[in-house]
Amino acid sequence: MPHSLYLGSGIVQPRLIDYDEKHGHRVPHAPTASKAPQNSHSTEKSFYRPSLAAIKHCMKYSIIELGISLSTFALFVNSAILIVAGASLYGVEDAKDASLFSIHDLLASSIAPAAGTLFALALLLSGMSAGIVCTIAGQMVSEGALNWTIAPWLRRFVTRSIAITPSIIIAAAVGKDGLNAALNGSQVALSVALPFISAPLIYFTAKNKYMTVNGNRSAAIAEDDVDGELERLLEAEQPAGEATKMRNHWTLTAFAILLWLIVAVMNIGNLVLLGLGY
């Protein structure tokens, strides 16, 4: 899911702040009297710049976390899906054009009724997981890009409603066939959006201009000085030893570009085949 890229970036922020606060690296920005909150419900926003130690700690934590989850849970679960589907549905004529609903019936009839129940339960749990990811990602976008000031519970309710309302309308209007078509359409939309979202990520992480950590202590920069502070950080000449360049190695960047090209070409082919009616 492309929006998981945004979610991953957002989730790591509390880890950085927690590390800096525990190790005494964070230097919070003190609001001036003229900028003091007018009431107990408003606070001054600031741009947080983590310390180098916090960044290295969170990178190590994230690499271990992702490595374990991908090489254990994700690997075995996806392998189990392919093995069960291949063993039970291979050679079955009705499986060629099967939808989620007909796959449930095929599994229940070819293996056991419990297999169909487990398949439905797995879909429910995966849908809940995807909905949570979508909701939190939407909340982060609304907090930053839209600058909403409503209560967090109301923001979550609005973003979750936007996510599930189309499914309810489609189910009520056209039933199972409409839901199946909507599911296929949503997967195509997510796939097409992925190259547009991942391209900036590859570009920025390949540039020292954006991937340089200045100094060893963190800072909180006032919201009205974010642009100026960022410009100073990017353009200033740093003394030797104070700036740590953390851009990706050119081999990793080249591999990422290769994967990006493969995904882009496959998306073009997918859209062409859909246009031809396949």
C-alpha atoms as a PDB file:
ATOM      1  CA  MET A   1       0.000   0.000   0.000  1.00  0.00           C
ATOM      2  CA  PRO A   2       1.604   3.301  -1.058  1.00  0.00           C
ATOM      3  CA  HIS A   3       0.264   5.153   1.963  1.00  0.00           C
ATOM      4  CA  SER A   4       2.285   2.804   4.176  1.00  0.00           C
ATOM      5  CA  LEU A   5       5.334   4.850   3.133  1.00  0.00           C
ATOM      6  CA  TYR A   6       3.785   7.872   4.826  1.00  0.00           C
ATOM      7  CA  LEU A   7       2.766   5.806   7.829  1.00  0.00           C
ATOM      8  CA  GLY A   8       6.266   4.409   8.303  1.00  0.00           C
ATOM      9  CA  SER A   9       7.742   7.913   8.262  1.00  0.00           C
ATOM     10  CA  GLY A  10       5.177   9.083  10.796  1.00  0.00           C
ATOM     11  CA  ILE A  11       5.548   6.139  13.178  1.00  0.00           C
ATOM     12  CA  VAL A  12       9.298   6.648  13.534  1.00  0.00           C
ATOM     13  CA  GLN A  13       8.897  10.228  14.798  1.00  0.00           C
ATOM     14  CA  PRO A  14       7.787   9.281  18.356  1.00  0.00           C
ATOM     15  CA  ARG A  15      10.706   6.829  18.563  1.00  0.00           C
ATOM     16  CA  LEU A  16      13.170   9.588  17.697  1.00  0.00           C
ATOM     17  CA  ILE A  17      11.680  11.989  20.230  1.00  0.00           C
ATOM     18  CA  ASP A  18      11.571   9.313  22.939  1.00  0.00           C
ATOM     19  CA  TYR A  19      15.241   8.442  22.391  1.00  0.00           C
ATOM     20  CA  ASP A  20      16.372  12.072  22.487  1.00  0.00           C
ATOM     21  CA  GLU A  21      14.373  12.788  25.641  1.00  0.00           C
ATOM     22  CA  LYS A  22      15.675   9.694  27.453  1.00  0.00           C
ATOM     23  CA  HIS A  23      19.309  10.444  26.565  1.00  0.00           C
ATOM     24  CA  GLY A  24      19.151  14.182  27.129  1.00  0.00           C
ATOM     25  CA  HIS A  25      19.751  15.130  23.489  1.00  0.00           C
ATOM     26  CA  ARG A  26      16.565  17.063  22.895  1.00  0.00           C
ATOM     27  CA  VAL A  27      16.596  20.824  23.351  1.00  0.00           C
ATOM     28  CA  PRO A  28      12.940  21.893  23.305  1.00  0.00           C
ATOM     29  CA  HIS A  29      11.969  25.240  21.835  1.00  0.00           C
ATOM     30  CA  ALA A  30      10.735  27.649  24.504  1.00  0.00           C
ATOM     31  CA  PRO A  31       7.832  29.829  23.276  1.00  0.00           C
ATOM     32  CA  THR A  32       8.260  33.538  23.756  1.00  0.00           C
ATOM     33  CA  ALA A  33       5.709  35.611  25.638  1.00  0.00           C
ATOM     34  CA  SER A  34       4.312  37.031  22.408  1.00  0.00           C
ATOM     35  CA  LYS A  35       3.786  33.504  21.069  1.00  0.00           C
ATOM     36  CA  ALA A  36       2.400  31.949  24.233  1.00  0.00           C
ATOM     37  CA  PRO A  37      -0.774  29.905  23.847  1.00  0.00           C
ATOM     38  CA  GLN A  38      -3.932  31.913  24.266  1.00  0.00           C
ATOM     39  CA  ASN A  39      -5.817  29.045  25.906  1.00  0.00           C
ATOM     40  CA  SER A  40      -5.175  25.602  27.332  1.00  0.00           C
ATOM     41  CA  HIS A  41      -6.215  23.867  24.115  1.00  0.00           C
ATOM     42  CA  SER A  42      -3.704  25.523  21.769  1.00  0.00           C
ATOM     43  CA  THR A  43       0.018  24.852  21.609  1.00  0.00           C
ATOM     44  CA  GLU A  44       2.767  26.263  19.465  1.00  0.00           C
ATOM     45  CA  LYS A  45       3.862  23.903  16.716  1.00  0.00           C
ATOM     46  CA  SER A  46       7.527  23.312  16.064  1.00  0.00           C
ATOM     47  CA  PHE A  47       9.700  21.497  13.537  1.00  0.00           C
ATOM     48  CA  TYR A  48      11.611  18.724  15.310  1.00  0.00           C
ATOM     49  CA  ARG A  49      15.164  17.905  14.196  1.00  0.00           C
ATOM     50  CA  PRO A  50      16.400  14.612  15.741  1.00  0.00           C
ATOM     51  CA  SER A  51      19.936  13.945  16.893  1.00  0.00           C
ATOM     52  CA  LEU A  52      22.335  11.717  14.984  1.00  0.00           C
ATOM     53  CA  ALA A  53      22.304   9.132  17.779  1.00  0.00           C
ATOM     54  CA  ALA A  54      18.512   8.929  17.658  1.00  0.00           C
ATOM     55  CA  ILE A  55      18.534   8.474  13.880  1.00  0.00           C
ATOM     56  CA  LYS A  56      21.090   5.656  14.036  1.00  0.00           C
ATOM     57  CA  HIS A  57      19.204   3.942  16.857  1.00  0.00           C
ATOM     58  CA  CYS A  58      15.874   4.071  15.031  1.00  0.00           C
ATOM     59  CA  MET A  59      17.426   2.912  11.756  1.00  0.00           C
ATOM     60  CA  LYS A  60      18.909  -0.125  13.489  1.00  0.00           C
ATOM     61  CA  TYR A  61      15.611  -0.825  15.257  1.00  0.00           C
ATOM     62  CA  SER A  62      13.608  -0.501  12.029  1.00  0.00           C
ATOM     63  CA  ILE A  63      15.964  -2.712  10.007  1.00  0.00           C
ATOM     64  CA  ILE A  64      15.769  -5.484  12.608  1.00  0.00           C
ATOM     65  CA  GLU A  65      11.996  -5.110  12.928  1.00  0.00           C
ATOM     66  CA  LEU A  66      11.386  -5.230   9.168  1.00  0.00           C
ATOM     67  CA  GLY A  67      13.872  -8.045   8.647  1.00  0.00           C
ATOM     68  CA  ILE A  68      12.219 -10.262  11.237  1.00  0.00           C
ATOM     69  CA  SER A  69       8.676  -9.532  10.052  1.00  0.00           C
ATOM     70  CA  LEU A  70       9.481 -10.048   6.352  1.00  0.00           C
ATOM     71  CA  SER A  71      11.638 -13.146   6.764  1.00  0.00           C
ATOM     72  CA  THR A  72       9.331 -14.905   9.223  1.00  0.00           C
ATOM     73  CA  PHE A  73       5.653 -13.915   9.348  1.00  0.00           C
ATOM     74  CA  ALA A  74       5.247 -12.447   5.861  1.00  0.00           C
ATOM     75  CA  LEU A  75       7.324 -15.143   4.154  1.00  0.00           C
ATOM     76  CA  PHE A  76       5.525 -18.100   5.729  1.00  0.00           C
ATOM     77  CA  VAL A  77       2.042 -16.594   5.467  1.00  0.00           C
ATOM     78  CA  ASN A  78       2.416 -15.730   1.788  1.00  0.00           C
ATOM     79  CA  SER A  79       4.025 -19.092   1.058  1.00  0.00           C
ATOM     80  CA  ALA A  80       1.139 -20.850   2.801  1.00  0.00           C
ATOM     81  CA  ILE A  81      -1.377 -18.891   0.706  1.00  0.00           C
ATOM     82  CA  LEU A  82       0.316 -19.887  -2.564  1.00  0.00           C
ATOM     83  CA  ILE A  83       0.773 -23.537  -1.540  1.00  0.00           C
ATOM     84  CA  VAL A  84      -2.825 -23.982  -0.376  1.00  0.00           C
ATOM     85  CA  ALA A  85      -4.224 -22.198  -3.437  1.00  0.00           C
ATOM     86  CA  GLY A  86      -2.046 -24.196  -5.813  1.00  0.00           C
ATOM     87  CA  ALA A  87      -2.810 -27.534  -4.171  1.00  0.00           C
ATOM     88  CA  SER A  88      -6.555 -27.013  -3.903  1.00  0.00           C
ATOM     89  CA  LEU A  89      -7.471 -24.883  -6.933  1.00  0.00           C
ATOM     90  CA  TYR A  90      -5.032 -26.032  -9.630  1.00  0.00           C
ATOM     91  CA  GLY A  91      -6.903 -27.581 -12.521  1.00  0.00           C
ATOM     92  CA  VAL A  92     -10.300 -26.397 -11.264  1.00  0.00           C
ATOM     93  CA  GLU A  93     -12.089 -24.763 -14.186  1.00  0.00           C
ATOM     94  CA  ASP A  94     -14.136 -22.388 -12.008  1.00  0.00           C
ATOM     95  CA  ALA A  95     -10.990 -20.982 -10.392  1.00  0.00           C
ATOM     96  CA  LYS A  96      -9.837 -19.116 -13.521  1.00  0.00           C
ATOM     97  CA  ASP A  97     -12.315 -16.264 -13.151  1.00  0.00           C
ATOM     98  CA  ALA A  98     -13.009 -16.664  -9.454  1.00  0.00           C
ATOM     99  CA  SER A  99     -13.820 -13.700  -7.208  1.00  0.00           C
ATOM    100  CA  LEU A 100     -13.350 -13.524  -3.453  1.00  0.00           C
ATOM    101  CA  PHE A 101     -16.827 -14.906  -2.926  1.00  0.00           C
ATOM    102  CA  SER A 102     -16.406 -17.844  -5.338  1.00  0.00           C
ATOM    103  CA  ILE A 103     -12.934 -18.635  -3.935  1.00  0.00           C
ATOM    104  CA  HIS A 104     -14.580 -19.025  -0.519  1.00  0.00           C
ATOM    105  CA  ASP A 105     -16.999 -21.551  -2.009  1.00  0.00           C
ATOM    106  CA  LEU A 106     -14.215 -23.388  -3.870  1.00  0.00           C
ATOM    107  CA  LEU A 107     -12.061 -23.730  -0.753  1.00  0.00           C
ATOM    108  CA  ALA A 108     -15.018 -24.918   1.297  1.00  0.00           C
ATOM    109  CA  SER A 109     -15.967 -27.531  -1.291  1.00  0.00           C
ATOM    110  CA  SER A 110     -12.490 -28.745  -2.307  1.00  0.00           C
ATOM    111  CA  ILE A 111     -10.853 -28.845   1.157  1.00  0.00           C
ATOM    112  CA  ALA A 112     -13.385 -28.536   3.988  1.00  0.00           C
ATOM    113  CA  PRO A 113     -16.055 -26.095   5.179  1.00  0.00           C
ATOM    114  CA  ALA A 114     -13.604 -24.886   7.830  1.00  0.00           C
ATOM    115  CA  ALA A 115     -11.206 -23.762   5.065  1.00  0.00           C
ATOM    116  CA  GLY A 116     -13.821 -21.377   3.706  1.00  0.00           C
ATOM    117  CA  THR A 117     -14.461 -20.039   7.209  1.00  0.00           C
ATOM    118  CA  LEU A 118     -10.739 -19.476   7.818  1.00  0.00           C
ATOM    119  CA  PHE A 119     -10.462 -17.709   4.446  1.00  0.00           C
ATOM    120  CA  ALA A 120     -13.317 -15.366   5.357  1.00  0.00           C
ATOM    121  CA  LEU A 121     -11.800 -14.712   8.792  1.00  0.00           C
ATOM    122  CA  ALA A 122      -8.416 -13.947   7.206  1.00  0.00           C
ATOM    123  CA  LEU A 123     -10.077 -11.463   4.854  1.00  0.00           C
ATOM    124  CA  LEU A 124     -11.827  -9.782   7.765  1.00  0.00           C
ATOM    125  CA  LEU A 125      -8.628  -9.420   9.779  1.00  0.00           C
ATOM    126  CA  SER A 126      -6.600  -8.208   6.784  1.00  0.00           C
ATOM    127  CA  GLY A 127      -9.332  -5.690   5.997  1.00  0.00           C
ATOM    128  CA  MET A 128      -9.236  -4.394   9.564  1.00  0.00           C
ATOM    129  CA  SER A 129      -5.443  -4.114   9.414  1.00  0.00           C
ATOM    130  CA  ALA A 130      -5.564  -2.274   6.080  1.00  0.00           C
ATOM    131  CA  GLY A 131      -8.284   0.007   7.424  1.00  0.00           C
ATOM    132  CA  ILE A 132      -6.188   0.931  10.463  1.00  0.00           C
ATOM    133  CA  VAL A 133      -3.174   1.685   8.244  1.00  0.00           C
ATOM    134  CA  CYS A 134      -5.318   3.793   5.929  1.00  0.00           C
ATOM    135  CA  THR A 135      -6.931   5.680   8.819  1.00  0.00           C
ATOM    136  CA  ILE A 136      -3.672   6.516  10.604  1.00  0.00           C
ATOM    137  CA  ALA A 137      -1.997   7.520   7.327  1.00  0.00           C
ATOM    138  CA  GLY A 138      -4.955   9.750   6.497  1.00  0.00           C
ATOM    139  CA  GLN A 139      -4.741  11.289   9.955  1.00  0.00           C
ATOM    140  CA  MET A 140      -1.057  12.107   9.459  1.00  0.00           C
ATOM    141  CA  VAL A 141      -1.724  13.688   6.079  1.00  0.00           C
ATOM    142  CA  SER A 142      -4.592  15.734   7.497  1.00  0.00           C
ATOM    143  CA  GLU A 143      -2.424  16.916  10.393  1.00  0.00           C
ATOM    144  CA  GLY A 144       0.370  18.062   8.113  1.00  0.00           C
ATOM    145  CA  ALA A 145      -0.906  18.946   4.645  1.00  0.00           C
ATOM    146  CA  LEU A 146      -4.407  20.029   5.651  1.00  0.00           C
ATOM    147  CA  ASN A 147      -3.475  21.421   9.088  1.00  0.00           C
ATOM    148  CA  TRP A 148      -6.721  20.304  10.717  1.00  0.00           C
ATOM    149  CA  THR A 149      -7.319  21.510  14.256  1.00  0.00           C
ATOM    150  CA  ILE A 150     -10.194  19.194  15.249  1.00  0.00           C
ATOM    151  CA  ALA A 151     -10.027  16.659  18.076  1.00  0.00           C
ATOM    152  CA  PRO A 152      -8.016  13.481  17.296  1.00  0.00           C
ATOM    153  CA  TRP A 153     -11.001  11.131  17.764  1.00  0.00           C
ATOM    154  CA  LEU A 154     -13.103  13.188  15.359  1.00  0.00           C
ATOM    155  CA  ARG A 155     -10.261  13.289  12.812  1.00  0.00           C
ATOM    156  CA  ARG A 156      -9.969   9.488  12.974  1.00  0.00           C
ATOM    157  CA  PHE A 157     -13.740   9.136  12.598  1.00  0.00           C
ATOM    158  CA  VAL A 158     -13.770  11.343   9.502  1.00  0.00           C
ATOM    159  CA  THR A 159     -10.838   9.620   7.784  1.00  0.00           C
ATOM    160  CA  ARG A 160     -12.225   6.152   8.590  1.00  0.00           C
ATOM    161  CA  SER A 161     -15.664   7.143   7.297  1.00  0.00           C
ATOM    162  CA  ILE A 162     -14.145   8.344   4.041  1.00  0.00           C
ATOM    163  CA  ALA A 163     -12.415   4.969   3.692  1.00  0.00           C
ATOM    164  CA  ILE A 164     -15.416   2.698   4.289  1.00  0.00           C
ATOM    165  CA  THR A 165     -18.360   4.756   2.990  1.00  0.00           C
ATOM    166  CA  PRO A 166     -17.779   3.893  -0.714  1.00  0.00           C
ATOM    167  CA  SER A 167     -17.820   0.154   0.105  1.00  0.00           C
ATOM    168  CA  ILE A 168     -21.128   0.476   1.950  1.00  0.00           C
ATOM    169  CA  ILE A 169     -22.707   2.398  -0.927  1.00  0.00           C
ATOM    170  CA  ILE A 170     -21.427  -0.071  -3.542  1.00  0.00           C
ATOM    171  CA  ALA A 171     -22.582  -3.098  -1.529  1.00  0.00           C
ATOM    172  CA  ALA A 172     -26.054  -1.617  -1.112  1.00  0.00           C
ATOM    173  CA  ALA A 173     -26.338  -0.561  -4.764  1.00  0.00           C
ATOM    174  CA  VAL A 174     -24.884  -3.424  -6.810  1.00  0.00           C
ATOM    175  CA  GLY A 175     -24.087  -6.224  -4.356  1.00  0.00           C
ATOM    176  CA  LYS A 176     -21.287  -8.795  -4.594  1.00  0.00           C
ATOM    177  CA  ASP A 177     -20.311  -8.101  -8.208  1.00  0.00           C
ATOM    178  CA  GLY A 178     -19.912  -4.417  -7.475  1.00  0.00           C
ATOM    179  CA  LEU A 179     -17.772  -5.098  -4.409  1.00  0.00           C
ATOM    180  CA  ASN A 180     -15.538  -7.438  -6.393  1.00  0.00           C
ATOM    181  CA  ALA A 181     -15.117  -4.856  -9.164  1.00  0.00           C
ATOM    182  CA  ALA A 182     -14.423  -2.126  -6.603  1.00  0.00           C
ATOM    183  CA  LEU A 183     -11.771  -4.302  -4.942  1.00  0.00           C
ATOM    184  CA  ASN A 184     -10.033  -4.948  -8.258  1.00  0.00           C
ATOM    185  CA  GLY A 185     -10.236  -1.259  -9.124  1.00  0.00           C
ATOM    186  CA  SER A 186      -8.766  -0.200  -5.788  1.00  0.00           C
ATOM    187  CA  GLN A 187      -5.813  -2.567  -6.252  1.00  0.00           C
ATOM    188  CA  VAL A 188      -5.159  -1.131  -9.703  1.00  0.00           C
ATOM    189  CA  ALA A 189      -5.316   2.423  -8.305  1.00  0.00           C
ATOM    190  CA  LEU A 190      -2.871   1.579  -5.499  1.00  0.00           C
ATOM    191  CA  SER A 191      -0.515  -0.094  -7.949  1.00  0.00           C
ATOM    192  CA  VAL A 192      -0.587   2.868 -10.363  1.00  0.00           C
ATOM    193  CA  ALA A 193       0.004   5.331  -7.510  1.00  0.00           C
ATOM    194  CA  LEU A 194       3.056   3.472  -6.183  1.00  0.00           C
ATOM    195  CA  PRO A 195       5.613   4.758  -8.759  1.00  0.00           C
ATOM    196  CA  PHE A 196       4.516   8.365  -8.225  1.00  0.00           C
ATOM    197  CA  ILE A 197       4.912   8.053  -4.450  1.00  0.00           C
ATOM    198  CA  SER A 198       8.150   6.048  -4.406  1.00  0.00           C
ATOM    199  CA  ALA A 199      10.007   8.170  -6.995  1.00  0.00           C
ATOM    200  CA  PRO A 200      10.466  11.181  -4.646  1.00  0.00           C
ATOM    201  CA  LEU A 201      11.563   8.807  -1.875  1.00  0.00           C
ATOM    202  CA  ILE A 202      14.310   7.348  -4.089  1.00  0.00           C
ATOM    203  CA  TYR A 203      15.376  10.810  -5.245  1.00  0.00           C
ATOM    204  CA  PHE A 204      15.592  12.448  -1.816  1.00  0.00           C
ATOM    205  CA  THR A 205      17.407   9.529  -0.157  1.00  0.00           C
ATOM    206  CA  ALA A 206      20.056   9.608  -2.910  1.00  0.00           C
ATOM    207  CA  LYS A 207      20.999  13.267  -2.252  1.00  0.00           C
ATOM    208  CA  ASN A 208      23.379  14.415   0.477  1.00  0.00           C
ATOM    209  CA  LYS A 209      21.626  17.771   0.275  1.00  0.00           C
ATOM    210  CA  TYR A 210      18.645  16.224   2.055  1.00  0.00           C
ATOM    211  CA  MET A 211      20.295  13.296   3.862  1.00  0.00           C
ATOM    212  CA  THR A 212      22.870  15.193   5.940  1.00  0.00           C
ATOM    213  CA  VAL A 213      22.585  15.308   9.732  1.00  0.00           C
ATOM    214  CA  ASN A 214      24.091  18.464  11.214  1.00  0.00           C
ATOM    215  CA  GLY A 215      25.475  18.147  14.730  1.00  0.00           C
ATOM    216  CA  ASN A 216      24.807  15.598  17.458  1.00  0.00           C
ATOM    217  CA  ARG A 217      22.025  17.355  19.356  1.00  0.00           C
ATOM    218  CA  SER A 218      18.411  17.665  18.371  1.00  0.00           C
ATOM    219  CA  ALA A 219      16.398  20.845  18.276  1.00  0.00           C
ATOM    220  CA  ALA A 220      12.824  22.066  18.091  1.00  0.00           C
ATOM    221  CA  ILE A 221      12.433  24.892  15.591  1.00  0.00           C
ATOM    222  CA  ALA A 222       9.566  27.350  15.759  1.00  0.00           C
ATOM    223  CA  GLU A 223       6.925  26.784  13.090  1.00  0.00           C
ATOM    224  CA  ASP A 224       7.281  30.286  11.667  1.00  0.00           C
ATOM    225  CA  ASP A 225      11.063  29.760  11.246  1.00  0.00           C
ATOM    226  CA  VAL A 226      10.988  26.283   9.696  1.00  0.00           C
ATOM    227  CA  ASP A 227      11.684  27.429   6.131  1.00  0.00           C
ATOM    228  CA  GLY A 228      14.552  29.685   7.198  1.00  0.00           C
ATOM    229  CA  GLU A 229      16.120  27.062   9.454  1.00  0.00           C
ATOM    230  CA  LEU A 230      15.899  24.355   6.794  1.00  0.00           C
ATOM    231  CA  GLU A 231      17.467  26.677   4.248  1.00  0.00           C
ATOM    232  CA  ARG A 232      20.320  27.442   6.636  1.00  0.00           C
ATOM    233  CA  LEU A 233      20.866  23.735   7.316  1.00  0.00           C
ATOM    234  CA  LEU A 234      20.968  22.871   3.629  1.00  0.00           C
ATOM    235  CA  GLU A 235      23.141  25.770   2.470  1.00  0.00           C
ATOM    236  CA  ALA A 236      25.483  26.453   5.418  1.00  0.00           C
ATOM    237  CA  GLU A 237      29.072  25.225   5.359  1.00  0.00           C
ATOM    238  CA  GLN A 238      29.404  22.908   8.349  1.00  0.00           C
ATOM    239  CA  PRO A 239      32.698  22.547  10.252  1.00  0.00           C
ATOM    240  CA  ALA A 240      34.547  19.268   9.762  1.00  0.00           C
ATOM    241  CA  GLY A 241      33.163  16.422  11.844  1.00  0.00           C
ATOM    242  CA  GLU A 242      29.787  18.043  12.523  1.00  0.00           C
ATOM    243  CA  ALA A 243      27.958  16.987   9.362  1.00  0.00           C
ATOM    244  CA  THR A 244      27.185  13.292   8.778  1.00  0.00           C
ATOM    245  CA  LYS A 245      26.133  12.347   5.257  1.00  0.00           C
ATOM    246  CA  MET A 246      23.602   9.518   5.233  1.00  0.00           C
ATOM    247  CA  ARG A 247      22.448   9.223   1.626  1.00  0.00           C
ATOM    248  CA  ASN A 248      21.994   5.767   0.121  1.00  0.00           C
ATOM    249  CA  HIS A 249      24.975   4.203  -1.636  1.00  0.00           C
ATOM    250  CA  TRP A 250      24.836   4.459  -5.427  1.00  0.00           C
ATOM    251  CA  THR A 251      24.431   0.670  -5.743  1.00  0.00           C
ATOM    252  CA  LEU A 252      21.318   0.729  -3.558  1.00  0.00           C
ATOM    253  CA  THR A 253      19.972   3.720  -5.477  1.00  0.00           C
ATOM    254  CA  ALA A 254      20.598   1.935  -8.800  1.00  0.00           C
ATOM    255  CA  PHE A 255      18.817  -1.184  -7.534  1.00  0.00           C
ATOM    256  CA  ALA A 256      15.880   0.930  -6.327  1.00  0.00           C
ATOM    257  CA  ILE A 257      15.642   2.673  -9.716  1.00  0.00           C
ATOM    258  CA  LEU A 258      15.687  -0.717 -11.466  1.00  0.00           C
ATOM    259  CA  LEU A 259      12.824  -1.978  -9.289  1.00  0.00           C
ATOM    260  CA  TRP A 260      10.971   1.293  -9.878  1.00  0.00           C
ATOM    261  CA  LEU A 261      11.288   0.851 -13.658  1.00  0.00           C
ATOM    262  CA  ILE A 262       9.997  -2.737 -13.435  1.00  0.00           C
ATOM    263  CA  VAL A 263       6.970  -1.636 -11.398  1.00  0.00           C
ATOM    264  CA  ALA A 264       6.298   1.276 -13.772  1.00  0.00           C
ATOM    265  CA  VAL A 265       6.477  -0.937 -16.879  1.00  0.00           C
ATOM    266  CA  MET A 266       4.208  -3.544 -15.266  1.00  0.00           C
ATOM    267  CA  ASN A 267       1.704  -0.835 -14.397  1.00  0.00           C
ATOM    268  CA  ILE A 268       1.683   0.408 -17.981  1.00  0.00           C
ATOM    269  CA  GLY A 269       1.127  -3.143 -19.201  1.00  0.00           C
ATOM    270  CA  ASN A 270      -1.645  -3.621 -16.647  1.00  0.00           C
ATOM    271  CA  LEU A 271      -3.453  -0.483 -17.795  1.00  0.00           C
ATOM    272  CA  VAL A 272      -3.092  -1.483 -21.458  1.00  0.00           C
ATOM    273  CA  LEU A 273      -4.526  -4.938 -20.780  1.00  0.00           C
ATOM    274  CA  LEU A 274      -7.412  -3.453 -18.817  1.00  0.00           C
ATOM    275  CA  GLY A 275      -8.106  -1.071 -21.677  1.00  0.00           C
ATOM    276  CA  LEU A 276      -8.201  -4.009 -24.086  1.00  0.00           C
ATOM    277  CA  GLY A 277     -10.664  -5.812 -21.844  1.00  0.00           C
ATOM    278  CA  TYR A 278      -8.414  -8.552 -20.432  1.00  0.00           C
END
